[in-house]
């Protein structure tokens, strides 16, 4: 679900996506670039009032997972909760589906800001 982030500068265009479903949610993207090696950077929000779980899938295959449990002071989505996860050396082909799955915990909604796909060279 898209959510407003205040102040708006704390997320891309003042919005993030948050999961309001206890069983989890996902966001996906079809890669349209050139075949090659890439780093996939995931900007997510890690609050102190929960330990959301994230998983990154490539064409249905898990390529990374983590628990958002760093010790940050934030209790809501914002710049003080922003974290970046880099998944390196990922081979991508045009049409590949990248899916980020999030499972919220307590008051932390497994929120995402964006993904960035960076050529390895």
N, C-alpha and C. Protein backbone atom coordinates (compact mmCIF):
# COMPACT_ATOMS: atom_id res chain seq x y z
N UNK A 1 0.84 -1.18 0.00
CA UNK A 1 0.00 0.00 0.00
C UNK A 1 0.89 1.24 0.00
N UNK A 2 0.66 2.19 -0.92
CA UNK A 2 1.41 3.45 -0.86
C UNK A 2 1.05 4.22 0.40
N UNK A 3 2.06 4.81 1.05
CA UNK A 3 1.83 5.62 2.25
C UNK A 3 2.60 6.94 2.11
N UNK A 4 2.04 8.00 2.64
CA UNK A 4 2.71 9.29 2.68
C UNK A 4 3.81 9.27 3.73
N UNK A 5 4.92 9.92 3.43
CA UNK A 5 6.02 10.05 4.37
C UNK A 5 6.20 11.54 4.65
N UNK A 6 6.25 11.88 5.93
CA UNK A 6 6.39 13.27 6.35
C UNK A 6 7.68 13.43 7.13
N UNK A 7 8.50 14.45 6.79
CA UNK A 7 8.36 15.34 5.65
C UNK A 7 8.60 14.59 4.34
N UNK A 8 8.10 15.13 3.26
CA UNK A 8 8.12 14.43 1.97
C UNK A 8 9.54 14.11 1.50
N UNK A 9 10.54 14.88 1.94
CA UNK A 9 11.92 14.65 1.52
C UNK A 9 12.50 13.33 2.03
N UNK A 10 11.83 12.71 2.98
CA UNK A 10 12.35 11.50 3.60
C UNK A 10 12.10 10.23 2.80
N UNK A 11 11.44 10.35 1.64
CA UNK A 11 11.22 9.19 0.77
C UNK A 11 11.05 9.71 -0.66
N UNK A 12 11.20 8.84 -1.61
CA UNK A 12 11.07 9.21 -3.02
C UNK A 12 9.69 9.78 -3.30
N UNK A 13 9.64 11.05 -3.70
CA UNK A 13 8.36 11.67 -4.00
C UNK A 13 7.42 11.75 -2.81
N UNK A 14 7.95 11.63 -1.60
CA UNK A 14 7.12 11.71 -0.40
C UNK A 14 6.30 10.47 -0.12
N UNK A 15 6.60 9.37 -0.82
CA UNK A 15 5.83 8.13 -0.66
C UNK A 15 6.76 6.95 -0.40
N UNK A 16 6.22 5.96 0.25
CA UNK A 16 6.85 4.65 0.42
C UNK A 16 5.75 3.62 0.19
N UNK A 17 6.09 2.36 0.16
CA UNK A 17 5.08 1.31 0.15
C UNK A 17 5.24 0.54 1.45
N UNK A 18 4.12 0.25 2.09
CA UNK A 18 4.13 -0.45 3.37
C UNK A 18 3.17 -1.63 3.30
N UNK A 19 3.47 -2.65 4.06
CA UNK A 19 2.64 -3.86 4.10
C UNK A 19 1.69 -3.78 5.28
N UNK A 20 0.42 -3.91 5.00
CA UNK A 20 -0.60 -3.88 6.06
C UNK A 20 -1.21 -5.27 6.29
N UNK A 21 -0.60 -6.29 5.70
CA UNK A 21 -1.09 -7.66 5.81
C UNK A 21 -0.15 -8.47 6.69
N UNK A 22 -0.66 -9.11 7.72
CA UNK A 22 0.17 -9.87 8.66
C UNK A 22 0.96 -10.98 7.97
N UNK A 23 0.40 -11.57 6.93
CA UNK A 23 1.07 -12.67 6.25
C UNK A 23 2.13 -12.20 5.27
N UNK A 24 2.17 -10.88 4.98
CA UNK A 24 3.20 -10.33 4.11
C UNK A 24 2.65 -9.79 2.81
N UNK A 25 3.51 -9.08 2.10
CA UNK A 25 3.16 -8.43 0.83
C UNK A 25 4.37 -8.51 -0.08
N UNK A 26 4.17 -8.13 -1.33
CA UNK A 26 5.30 -8.10 -2.25
C UNK A 26 5.14 -6.96 -3.25
N UNK A 27 6.27 -6.55 -3.80
CA UNK A 27 6.33 -5.57 -4.87
C UNK A 27 7.26 -6.15 -5.93
N UNK A 28 6.91 -6.01 -7.20
CA UNK A 28 7.74 -6.61 -8.24
C UNK A 28 8.03 -5.64 -9.36
N UNK A 29 9.06 -6.00 -10.13
CA UNK A 29 9.54 -5.18 -11.23
C UNK A 29 10.08 -6.11 -12.31
N UNK A 30 9.72 -5.83 -13.57
CA UNK A 30 10.26 -6.58 -14.71
C UNK A 30 11.47 -5.82 -15.24
N UNK A 31 12.61 -6.48 -15.25
CA UNK A 31 13.85 -5.87 -15.71
C UNK A 31 13.79 -5.68 -17.22
N UNK A 32 14.09 -4.47 -17.69
CA UNK A 32 14.04 -4.16 -19.12
C UNK A 32 15.40 -3.76 -19.67
N UNK A 33 16.45 -3.92 -18.88
CA UNK A 33 17.79 -3.51 -19.29
C UNK A 33 18.50 -4.57 -20.11
N UNK A 34 19.78 -4.35 -20.29
CA UNK A 34 20.65 -5.24 -21.05
C UNK A 34 21.14 -6.38 -20.15
N UNK A 35 21.27 -7.56 -20.74
CA UNK A 35 21.80 -8.70 -19.98
C UNK A 35 23.18 -8.37 -19.43
N UNK A 36 23.39 -8.76 -18.16
CA UNK A 36 24.69 -8.52 -17.56
C UNK A 36 24.68 -8.72 -16.07
N UNK A 37 25.78 -8.36 -15.44
CA UNK A 37 25.93 -8.45 -13.98
C UNK A 37 25.56 -7.10 -13.37
N UNK A 38 24.81 -7.16 -12.26
CA UNK A 38 24.32 -5.95 -11.61
C UNK A 38 24.36 -6.08 -10.10
N UNK A 39 24.28 -4.94 -9.43
CA UNK A 39 23.99 -4.87 -8.01
C UNK A 39 22.56 -4.38 -7.89
N UNK A 40 21.77 -5.06 -7.07
CA UNK A 40 20.40 -4.62 -6.77
C UNK A 40 20.45 -4.00 -5.38
N UNK A 41 20.14 -2.71 -5.32
CA UNK A 41 20.11 -1.99 -4.04
C UNK A 41 18.65 -1.82 -3.63
N UNK A 42 18.34 -2.19 -2.40
CA UNK A 42 16.98 -2.08 -1.86
C UNK A 42 17.02 -1.05 -0.74
N UNK A 43 16.23 0.02 -0.88
CA UNK A 43 16.12 1.02 0.18
C UNK A 43 14.85 0.67 0.96
N UNK A 44 15.00 0.30 2.21
CA UNK A 44 13.87 -0.09 3.06
C UNK A 44 13.95 0.71 4.35
N UNK A 45 12.92 0.58 5.17
CA UNK A 45 12.85 1.32 6.43
C UNK A 45 12.88 0.34 7.60
N UNK A 46 13.76 0.61 8.56
CA UNK A 46 13.94 -0.24 9.73
C UNK A 46 13.64 0.58 10.98
N UNK A 47 12.56 0.25 11.64
CA UNK A 47 12.13 0.97 12.84
C UNK A 47 12.48 0.15 14.09
N UNK A 48 12.54 0.83 15.24
CA UNK A 48 12.88 0.12 16.47
C UNK A 48 11.69 -0.61 17.07
N UNK A 49 10.50 -0.42 16.54
CA UNK A 49 9.29 -1.03 17.10
C UNK A 49 8.82 -2.24 16.31
N UNK A 50 9.78 -3.01 15.79
CA UNK A 50 9.45 -4.24 15.08
C UNK A 50 10.68 -4.80 14.39
N UNK A 51 10.55 -6.01 13.87
CA UNK A 51 11.63 -6.68 13.13
C UNK A 51 11.04 -7.33 11.89
N UNK A 52 10.74 -6.51 10.90
CA UNK A 52 10.19 -7.02 9.64
C UNK A 52 11.20 -7.93 8.96
N UNK A 53 10.68 -8.84 8.15
CA UNK A 53 11.53 -9.75 7.38
C UNK A 53 11.36 -9.42 5.90
N UNK A 54 12.48 -9.46 5.17
CA UNK A 54 12.49 -9.19 3.74
C UNK A 54 13.14 -10.34 3.00
N UNK A 55 12.67 -10.54 1.77
CA UNK A 55 13.25 -11.56 0.90
C UNK A 55 13.23 -11.01 -0.52
N UNK A 56 14.32 -11.21 -1.26
CA UNK A 56 14.39 -10.78 -2.66
C UNK A 56 14.41 -12.03 -3.53
N UNK A 57 13.49 -12.05 -4.49
CA UNK A 57 13.34 -13.19 -5.39
C UNK A 57 13.67 -12.73 -6.82
N UNK A 58 14.33 -13.60 -7.56
CA UNK A 58 14.60 -13.38 -8.98
C UNK A 58 13.99 -14.54 -9.74
N UNK A 59 12.94 -14.26 -10.49
CA UNK A 59 12.22 -15.31 -11.23
C UNK A 59 11.80 -16.46 -10.31
N UNK A 60 11.35 -16.12 -9.10
CA UNK A 60 10.87 -17.12 -8.16
C UNK A 60 11.94 -17.80 -7.32
N UNK A 61 13.20 -17.43 -7.52
CA UNK A 61 14.31 -18.02 -6.77
C UNK A 61 14.86 -16.99 -5.78
N UNK A 62 15.01 -17.39 -4.52
CA UNK A 62 15.50 -16.47 -3.49
C UNK A 62 16.97 -16.15 -3.75
N UNK A 63 17.29 -14.83 -3.77
CA UNK A 63 18.68 -14.41 -3.93
C UNK A 63 19.20 -13.68 -2.69
N UNK A 64 18.31 -13.29 -1.78
CA UNK A 64 18.74 -12.65 -0.54
C UNK A 64 17.56 -12.61 0.44
N UNK A 65 17.90 -12.53 1.72
CA UNK A 65 16.88 -12.33 2.77
C UNK A 65 17.55 -11.72 3.98
N UNK A 66 16.76 -10.98 4.78
CA UNK A 66 17.29 -10.37 6.00
C UNK A 66 16.14 -9.98 6.91
N UNK A 67 16.50 -9.70 8.15
CA UNK A 67 15.57 -9.18 9.14
C UNK A 67 15.97 -7.75 9.44
N UNK A 68 14.99 -6.84 9.41
CA UNK A 68 15.24 -5.42 9.69
C UNK A 68 15.28 -5.25 11.21
N UNK A 69 16.47 -5.43 11.78
CA UNK A 69 16.58 -5.37 13.24
C UNK A 69 17.83 -4.61 13.70
N UNK A 70 18.25 -3.61 12.91
CA UNK A 70 19.33 -2.75 13.39
C UNK A 70 18.78 -1.88 14.51
N UNK A 71 19.64 -1.27 15.26
CA UNK A 71 19.22 -0.48 16.42
C UNK A 71 19.15 1.00 16.07
N UNK A 72 18.11 1.37 15.34
CA UNK A 72 17.89 2.76 14.93
C UNK A 72 16.85 3.39 15.85
N UNK A 73 16.85 4.72 15.98
CA UNK A 73 15.92 5.38 16.91
C UNK A 73 14.50 5.55 16.37
N UNK A 74 14.28 5.29 15.11
CA UNK A 74 13.01 5.62 14.46
C UNK A 74 11.85 4.74 14.91
N UNK A 75 10.68 5.37 15.04
CA UNK A 75 9.44 4.63 15.33
C UNK A 75 8.43 4.79 14.20
N UNK A 76 8.82 5.48 13.12
CA UNK A 76 7.95 5.61 11.95
C UNK A 76 8.83 5.68 10.70
N UNK A 77 8.20 5.54 9.55
CA UNK A 77 8.92 5.60 8.27
C UNK A 77 9.47 7.00 8.08
N UNK A 78 10.78 7.09 7.80
CA UNK A 78 11.42 8.38 7.57
C UNK A 78 12.90 8.21 7.35
N UNK A 79 13.61 9.32 7.16
CA UNK A 79 15.04 9.25 6.84
C UNK A 79 15.85 8.62 7.97
N UNK A 80 15.42 8.74 9.21
CA UNK A 80 16.17 8.15 10.31
C UNK A 80 15.94 6.64 10.42
N UNK A 81 15.07 6.10 9.58
CA UNK A 81 14.84 4.66 9.52
C UNK A 81 15.34 4.05 8.21
N UNK A 82 15.84 4.89 7.29
CA UNK A 82 16.23 4.43 5.96
C UNK A 82 17.49 3.57 6.01
N UNK A 83 17.42 2.43 5.37
CA UNK A 83 18.55 1.50 5.28
C UNK A 83 18.68 1.04 3.82
N UNK A 84 19.90 0.68 3.44
CA UNK A 84 20.16 0.23 2.07
C UNK A 84 20.79 -1.15 2.13
N UNK A 85 20.22 -2.07 1.38
CA UNK A 85 20.74 -3.44 1.28
C UNK A 85 21.22 -3.65 -0.15
N UNK A 86 22.50 -4.02 -0.33
CA UNK A 86 23.06 -4.26 -1.66
C UNK A 86 23.21 -5.75 -1.89
N UNK A 87 22.69 -6.21 -3.02
CA UNK A 87 22.83 -7.60 -3.44
C UNK A 87 23.72 -7.56 -4.68
N UNK A 88 24.93 -8.05 -4.56
CA UNK A 88 25.92 -7.89 -5.61
C UNK A 88 26.00 -9.10 -6.53
N UNK A 89 26.59 -8.85 -7.70
CA UNK A 89 26.92 -9.90 -8.66
C UNK A 89 25.70 -10.70 -9.10
N UNK A 90 24.61 -10.01 -9.42
CA UNK A 90 23.37 -10.64 -9.86
C UNK A 90 23.32 -10.58 -11.39
N UNK A 91 23.17 -11.73 -12.04
CA UNK A 91 23.01 -11.76 -13.49
C UNK A 91 21.55 -11.53 -13.82
N UNK A 92 21.30 -10.50 -14.64
CA UNK A 92 19.94 -10.17 -15.06
C UNK A 92 19.82 -10.26 -16.57
N UNK A 93 18.63 -10.69 -17.02
CA UNK A 93 18.28 -10.76 -18.43
C UNK A 93 17.00 -9.94 -18.65
N UNK A 94 16.82 -9.39 -19.83
CA UNK A 94 15.56 -8.67 -20.10
C UNK A 94 14.36 -9.57 -19.79
N UNK A 95 13.38 -9.03 -19.09
CA UNK A 95 12.17 -9.78 -18.73
C UNK A 95 12.22 -10.47 -17.39
N UNK A 96 13.39 -10.51 -16.74
CA UNK A 96 13.49 -11.12 -15.42
C UNK A 96 12.59 -10.36 -14.43
N UNK A 97 11.95 -11.11 -13.52
CA UNK A 97 11.13 -10.48 -12.49
C UNK A 97 11.89 -10.44 -11.18
N UNK A 98 12.03 -9.22 -10.65
CA UNK A 98 12.61 -9.01 -9.32
C UNK A 98 11.44 -8.74 -8.39
N UNK A 99 11.31 -9.53 -7.33
CA UNK A 99 10.21 -9.37 -6.38
C UNK A 99 10.77 -9.21 -4.97
N UNK A 100 10.33 -8.17 -4.28
CA UNK A 100 10.71 -7.95 -2.89
C UNK A 100 9.50 -8.37 -2.04
N UNK A 101 9.71 -9.30 -1.13
CA UNK A 101 8.66 -9.74 -0.23
C UNK A 101 8.96 -9.21 1.17
N UNK A 102 7.94 -8.71 1.83
CA UNK A 102 8.11 -8.19 3.18
C UNK A 102 7.04 -8.73 4.11
N UNK A 103 7.44 -9.06 5.32
CA UNK A 103 6.50 -9.51 6.35
C UNK A 103 6.65 -8.55 7.53
N UNK A 104 5.59 -7.79 7.85
CA UNK A 104 5.70 -6.83 8.95
C UNK A 104 5.77 -7.51 10.31
N UNK A 105 6.23 -6.75 11.29
CA UNK A 105 6.30 -7.25 12.66
C UNK A 105 5.91 -6.12 13.61
N UNK A 106 4.97 -6.37 14.48
CA UNK A 106 4.46 -5.38 15.42
C UNK A 106 4.13 -4.07 14.70
N UNK A 107 4.77 -2.95 15.06
CA UNK A 107 4.45 -1.65 14.45
C UNK A 107 5.35 -1.30 13.27
N UNK A 108 6.19 -2.23 12.84
CA UNK A 108 7.06 -2.00 11.68
C UNK A 108 6.42 -2.64 10.45
N UNK A 109 6.05 -1.82 9.42
CA UNK A 109 5.24 -2.33 8.31
C UNK A 109 6.00 -2.88 7.11
N UNK A 110 7.24 -3.33 7.27
CA UNK A 110 8.03 -3.86 6.14
C UNK A 110 7.97 -2.89 4.96
N UNK A 111 8.32 -1.64 5.20
CA UNK A 111 8.18 -0.58 4.19
C UNK A 111 9.41 -0.48 3.29
N UNK A 112 9.15 -0.15 2.02
CA UNK A 112 10.19 0.05 1.01
C UNK A 112 10.08 1.44 0.43
N UNK A 113 11.22 1.99 0.03
CA UNK A 113 11.24 3.24 -0.71
C UNK A 113 11.45 2.94 -2.20
N UNK A 114 12.55 2.25 -2.53
CA UNK A 114 12.83 1.97 -3.94
C UNK A 114 13.85 0.84 -4.05
N UNK A 115 14.01 0.34 -5.31
CA UNK A 115 15.15 -0.49 -5.64
C UNK A 115 15.92 0.24 -6.72
N UNK A 116 17.21 0.00 -6.73
CA UNK A 116 18.08 0.58 -7.74
C UNK A 116 18.88 -0.55 -8.36
N UNK A 117 19.00 -0.55 -9.68
CA UNK A 117 19.75 -1.59 -10.37
C UNK A 117 20.97 -0.92 -10.99
N UNK A 118 22.15 -1.35 -10.54
CA UNK A 118 23.41 -0.69 -10.91
C UNK A 118 24.29 -1.67 -11.66
N UNK A 119 24.73 -1.30 -12.86
CA UNK A 119 25.62 -2.16 -13.64
C UNK A 119 26.89 -2.44 -12.87
N UNK A 120 27.38 -3.67 -12.92
CA UNK A 120 28.55 -4.08 -12.15
C UNK A 120 29.83 -3.39 -12.62
N UNK A 121 29.91 -3.03 -13.86
CA UNK A 121 31.13 -2.37 -14.35
C UNK A 121 30.83 -0.93 -14.51
